[in-house]
Amino acid sequence: MLSFGGTKNGAVAAEAVIVMREDLLADVPFLRKQQMQLGSKMRFMAAQFSALLEDIRIGLAKKYLGESEIRLEQLAYLMGYSEPAPFVRAFKRWTGTTPMQFRSRQR
């Protein structure tokens, strides 16, 4: 028997069990996910995606601040923020310092 799938990896509709021996097939029932299980997996996947996106934003923001003279307004926009203030708050939450303080320490 070979199992691919999603219980640990967060897959929603990609779980499969392949039975190599026909004599074992009768012991493997066909099961469908219940609605609550799918909702739980979707929340799990959304949380992982949000964490990944935040990690990417932190890394890119630090790179831009350390290696370029990009303006704060432009950086906020590149990081997905509509204006600088929310970006500054997020950056301070991530690093404990403001973007401008971070930039001055990198030089």
Protein backbone atom coordinates (compact mmCIF):
# COMPACT_ATOMS: atom_id res chain seq x y z
CA MET A 1 0.00 0.00 0.00
CA LEU A 2 1.25 3.48 -0.87
CA SER A 3 -0.21 6.68 0.55
CA PHE A 4 0.16 10.17 -0.89
CA GLY A 5 -1.28 12.99 0.75
CA GLY A 6 -2.31 15.69 2.68
CA THR A 7 -3.03 15.09 6.28
CA LYS A 8 0.34 16.48 7.35
CA ASN A 9 1.02 18.61 4.28
CA GLY A 10 -2.20 20.56 4.24
CA ALA A 11 -3.53 19.18 0.95
CA VAL A 12 -7.25 19.63 0.51
CA ALA A 13 -8.26 17.40 -2.35
CA ALA A 14 -5.07 15.52 -3.09
CA GLU A 15 -5.06 12.57 -0.76
CA ALA A 16 -4.72 9.16 -2.37
CA VAL A 17 -4.07 5.63 -1.24
CA ILE A 18 -2.81 3.18 -3.85
CA VAL A 19 -3.31 -0.49 -3.08
CA MET A 20 -0.79 -2.65 -4.91
CA ARG A 21 -2.32 -6.00 -3.99
CA GLU A 22 -5.86 -6.69 -5.10
CA ASP A 23 -6.50 -9.00 -2.12
CA LEU A 24 -6.10 -6.01 0.24
CA LEU A 25 -8.50 -3.82 -1.70
CA ALA A 26 -11.61 -5.05 0.13
CA ASP A 27 -10.14 -3.86 3.45
CA VAL A 28 -9.64 -0.28 2.22
CA PRO A 29 -12.92 1.65 2.25
CA PHE A 30 -13.59 4.65 0.06
CA LEU A 31 -13.88 7.67 2.32
CA ARG A 32 -14.75 11.27 1.64
CA LYS A 33 -13.60 14.19 3.70
CA GLN A 34 -16.22 15.74 5.88
CA GLN A 35 -16.96 19.43 5.48
CA MET A 36 -15.39 20.34 8.84
CA GLN A 37 -12.16 18.58 7.91
CA LEU A 38 -11.87 20.62 4.71
CA GLY A 39 -12.49 23.87 6.56
CA SER A 40 -9.82 22.97 9.08
CA LYS A 41 -7.33 22.23 6.30
CA MET A 42 -8.14 25.52 4.57
CA ARG A 43 -7.44 27.46 7.79
CA PHE A 44 -4.19 25.55 8.22
CA MET A 45 -3.11 26.34 4.66
CA ALA A 46 -4.08 30.01 5.00
CA ALA A 47 -2.02 30.35 8.18
CA GLN A 48 1.00 28.75 6.51
CA PHE A 49 0.65 31.00 3.47
CA SER A 50 0.36 34.12 5.65
CA ALA A 51 3.50 33.17 7.57
CA LEU A 52 5.39 32.49 4.33
CA LEU A 53 4.29 35.82 2.86
CA GLU A 54 5.39 37.66 6.00
CA ASP A 55 8.81 35.95 5.92
CA ILE A 56 9.27 36.99 2.29
CA ARG A 57 8.22 40.57 3.06
CA ILE A 58 10.67 40.79 5.99
CA GLY A 59 13.55 39.49 3.88
CA LEU A 60 12.82 41.76 0.93
CA ALA A 61 12.31 44.83 3.10
CA LYS A 62 15.64 44.25 4.86
CA LYS A 63 17.37 43.70 1.52
CA TYR A 64 15.94 46.87 -0.02
CA LEU A 65 16.74 48.95 3.06
CA GLY A 66 20.28 47.63 3.31
CA GLU A 67 21.23 47.71 -0.36
CA SER A 68 19.39 50.61 -1.94
CA GLU A 69 18.27 54.19 -1.51
CA ILE A 70 14.64 53.37 -2.22
CA ARG A 71 12.16 55.80 -0.67
CA LEU A 72 9.96 54.55 2.15
CA GLU A 73 6.79 55.21 0.12
CA GLN A 74 8.09 53.07 -2.73
CA LEU A 75 9.20 50.30 -0.40
CA ALA A 76 5.83 50.22 1.36
CA TYR A 77 4.12 49.89 -2.02
CA LEU A 78 6.48 47.10 -3.11
CA MET A 79 5.76 45.23 0.12
CA GLY A 80 2.02 45.35 -0.57
CA TYR A 81 1.02 48.28 1.61
CA SER A 82 -1.06 51.18 0.29
CA GLU A 83 0.79 53.73 2.41
CA PRO A 84 3.94 53.90 4.58
CA ALA A 85 2.41 54.01 8.10
CA PRO A 86 1.10 50.42 8.17
CA PHE A 87 4.38 49.20 6.67
CA VAL A 88 6.41 51.05 9.34
CA ARG A 89 4.26 49.47 12.09
CA ALA A 90 4.66 46.00 10.57
CA PHE A 91 8.42 46.43 10.12
CA LYS A 92 8.77 47.55 13.74
CA ARG A 93 6.76 44.52 14.86
CA TRP A 94 9.02 42.23 12.80
CA THR A 95 12.38 43.71 13.75
CA GLY A 96 11.88 45.89 16.83
CA THR A 97 13.08 48.96 14.93
CA THR A 98 11.74 51.35 12.31
CA PRO A 99 12.81 51.01 8.66
CA MET A 100 14.88 54.20 8.83
CA GLN A 101 16.65 53.10 12.01
CA PHE A 102 17.35 49.74 10.37
CA ARG A 103 18.75 51.47 7.28
CA SER A 104 21.05 53.74 9.29
CA ARG A 105 22.43 50.75 11.23
CA GLN A 106 23.20 48.92 7.98
CA ARG A 107 25.55 51.66 6.85
